[in-house]
Amino acid sequence: MSLDRDYPLSRTQGRVLLVGLVVMMAFGAALFGGLIPGLKPNYAPPSTITVDGEPYYYTYVVLNFPAIFSNHTSPQSFAFHNVSFLLWVTNWYDPSGGLVHGNGTEPNGSVYSFVLGRSSIPPLNVSLYISPDRLFAVYWSAGVLGGPWVTLMVRA
């Protein structure tokens, strides 16, 4: 057996290498094709809801509770589908229920302000806000049992 030959691998070594490459390719295809459970990335399309006949993507955010005797929170920032939201709570411990204040900033720079909730001063009974151009909407069930969950929606 001489070391000076044209082929760097013997026939047996070449076959083993070829079989190894085929096995690795099959394993890779199975891995990235989802045939091996738990290894494929889990992608779920965004949830949609219809508001006034138009589809919106939506998500829930949880606002901070105000400190005892504070009755309001600092603004919290949220971003969803290229719309930035700034939300805060006032009158949280009021018997008629609190108010959720907010601003929605659209990708073009337009800013729309809103207040959601039920209050006697000022008279207010609003649980859904839709921006004038209908690009985004915000929902809060309001009232004493409204809780800290706010629904952000952006037109699909």
Protein backbone atom coordinates (compact mmCIF):
# COMPACT_ATOMS: atom_id res chain seq x y z
CA MET A 1 0.00 0.00 0.00
CA SER A 2 1.54 3.24 -1.06
CA LEU A 3 0.82 6.65 0.38
CA ASP A 4 1.44 8.42 -2.94
CA ARG A 5 -1.82 7.89 -4.82
CA ASP A 6 -4.34 10.11 -6.58
CA TYR A 7 -7.26 9.36 -4.27
CA PRO A 8 -6.96 10.51 -0.67
CA LEU A 9 -9.64 8.04 0.55
CA SER A 10 -9.94 4.34 0.09
CA ARG A 11 -13.12 2.91 -1.41
CA THR A 12 -14.37 1.83 2.00
CA GLN A 13 -13.66 5.24 3.54
CA GLY A 14 -15.50 6.97 0.67
CA ARG A 15 -18.56 4.76 1.14
CA VAL A 16 -18.59 5.39 4.88
CA LEU A 17 -18.31 9.14 4.29
CA LEU A 18 -21.12 9.08 1.71
CA VAL A 19 -23.42 7.04 3.98
CA GLY A 20 -22.65 9.42 6.87
CA LEU A 21 -23.52 12.48 4.76
CA VAL A 22 -26.79 10.91 3.59
CA VAL A 23 -27.74 10.03 7.20
CA MET A 24 -26.94 13.58 8.38
CA MET A 25 -28.98 15.11 5.54
CA ALA A 26 -31.94 12.85 6.35
CA PHE A 27 -31.72 13.75 10.04
CA GLY A 28 -31.50 17.48 9.19
CA ALA A 29 -34.50 17.27 6.88
CA ALA A 30 -36.49 15.44 9.56
CA LEU A 31 -35.42 17.93 12.21
CA PHE A 32 -36.29 21.09 10.28
CA GLY A 33 -39.27 19.56 8.51
CA GLY A 34 -41.03 18.96 11.82
CA LEU A 35 -40.97 15.16 11.74
CA ILE A 36 -39.21 15.08 15.11
CA PRO A 37 -41.75 16.36 17.67
CA GLY A 38 -40.76 19.32 19.80
CA LEU A 39 -37.90 20.47 17.61
CA LYS A 40 -39.78 22.51 15.03
CA PRO A 41 -40.26 26.17 15.95
CA ASN A 42 -43.80 26.79 17.14
CA TYR A 43 -45.35 29.58 15.10
CA ALA A 44 -48.93 30.55 15.65
CA PRO A 45 -50.46 33.17 13.39
CA PRO A 46 -51.64 36.27 15.25
CA SER A 47 -55.13 36.12 16.67
CA THR A 48 -57.72 38.27 14.95
CA ILE A 49 -61.04 39.71 15.98
CA THR A 50 -63.64 41.62 13.97
CA VAL A 51 -64.62 45.08 15.20
CA ASP A 52 -67.23 47.03 13.23
CA GLY A 53 -66.76 44.67 10.29
CA GLU A 54 -62.96 45.04 10.10
CA PRO A 55 -60.35 42.47 11.18
CA TYR A 56 -57.89 43.44 13.91
CA TYR A 57 -54.92 41.61 15.41
CA TYR A 58 -55.24 41.68 19.18
CA THR A 59 -53.30 41.03 22.35
CA TYR A 60 -53.90 41.48 26.05
CA VAL A 61 -51.70 43.58 28.31
CA VAL A 62 -51.80 43.79 32.09
CA LEU A 63 -51.54 47.18 33.74
CA ASN A 64 -49.87 47.70 37.10
CA PHE A 65 -52.13 48.20 40.10
CA PRO A 66 -51.80 51.56 41.82
CA ALA A 67 -50.14 51.61 45.22
CA ILE A 68 -52.51 51.79 48.16
CA PHE A 69 -53.76 55.37 48.64
CA SER A 70 -52.11 56.42 45.34
CA ASN A 71 -55.17 55.92 43.13
CA HIS A 72 -53.14 56.19 39.88
CA THR A 73 -50.22 54.54 38.09
CA SER A 74 -47.28 55.76 36.07
CA PRO A 75 -47.59 55.42 32.29
CA GLN A 76 -46.62 52.01 30.87
CA SER A 77 -45.38 51.53 27.31
CA PHE A 78 -46.51 48.73 25.03
CA ALA A 79 -45.80 48.14 21.34
CA PHE A 80 -47.97 45.94 19.15
CA HIS A 81 -47.80 45.62 15.34
CA ASN A 82 -45.90 48.92 14.91
CA VAL A 83 -48.28 50.94 17.09
CA SER A 84 -46.93 52.27 20.40
CA PHE A 85 -49.29 52.56 23.34
CA LEU A 86 -48.83 54.51 26.56
CA LEU A 87 -51.39 53.50 29.21
CA TRP A 88 -52.01 54.56 32.81
CA VAL A 89 -54.80 54.29 35.38
CA THR A 90 -56.53 56.98 37.46
CA ASN A 91 -59.38 56.82 40.00
CA TRP A 92 -58.65 53.11 40.49
CA TYR A 93 -60.10 52.96 44.01
CA ASP A 94 -63.18 55.06 43.17
CA PRO A 95 -66.43 53.17 43.94
CA SER A 96 -67.69 53.74 40.38
CA GLY A 97 -64.54 52.21 38.90
CA GLY A 98 -61.27 53.50 37.51
CA LEU A 99 -60.27 55.06 34.25
CA VAL A 100 -57.65 53.88 31.77
CA HIS A 101 -55.98 56.79 29.97
CA GLY A 102 -53.82 56.28 26.95
CA ASN A 103 -52.14 57.46 23.80
CA GLY A 104 -51.73 55.44 20.64
CA THR A 105 -48.86 56.45 18.35
CA GLU A 106 -49.13 55.15 14.79
CA PRO A 107 -46.15 54.43 12.50
CA ASN A 108 -46.77 57.70 10.61
CA GLY A 109 -46.41 59.68 13.88
CA SER A 110 -50.11 60.41 14.46
CA VAL A 111 -50.99 60.33 18.17
CA TYR A 112 -54.53 59.76 19.42
CA SER A 113 -55.54 60.05 23.08
CA PHE A 114 -58.38 58.19 24.76
CA VAL A 115 -59.99 57.50 28.13
CA LEU A 116 -61.81 54.26 28.90
CA GLY A 117 -63.98 53.52 31.91
CA ARG A 118 -67.11 54.41 33.81
CA SER A 119 -67.14 57.49 35.95
CA SER A 120 -69.69 59.99 37.18
CA ILE A 121 -67.15 62.86 37.26
CA PRO A 122 -66.56 63.53 34.43
CA PRO A 123 -69.55 61.65 33.00
CA LEU A 124 -68.01 58.80 31.08
CA ASN A 125 -69.11 55.33 29.99
CA VAL A 126 -66.68 54.09 27.32
CA SER A 127 -65.16 50.61 27.01
CA LEU A 128 -63.98 50.67 23.37
CA TYR A 129 -61.92 53.29 21.57
CA ILE A 130 -61.27 53.12 17.81
CA SER A 131 -58.81 55.62 16.34
CA PRO A 132 -60.28 58.06 13.78
CA ASP A 133 -58.42 56.35 10.92
CA ARG A 134 -59.43 52.92 12.31
CA LEU A 135 -55.80 51.73 12.42
CA PHE A 136 -55.96 50.70 16.09
CA ALA A 137 -58.49 50.12 18.83
CA VAL A 138 -58.33 49.64 22.60
CA TYR A 139 -60.85 47.81 24.79
CA TRP A 140 -61.24 47.70 28.56
CA SER A 141 -64.29 46.19 30.23
CA ALA A 142 -64.20 49.00 32.83
CA GLY A 143 -66.22 49.25 35.98
CA VAL A 144 -65.39 48.00 39.44
CA LEU A 145 -64.68 44.49 38.16
CA GLY A 146 -62.79 45.65 35.05
CA GLY A 147 -59.46 44.37 36.28
CA PRO A 148 -56.06 45.33 34.87
CA TRP A 149 -56.45 43.54 31.48
CA VAL A 150 -56.59 45.81 28.45
CA THR A 151 -57.01 44.58 24.87
CA LEU A 152 -54.86 46.27 22.22
CA MET A 153 -55.95 45.87 18.61
CA VAL A 154 -54.29 46.85 15.32
CA ARG A 155 -56.02 46.54 11.96
CA ALA A 156 -54.96 43.39 10.11
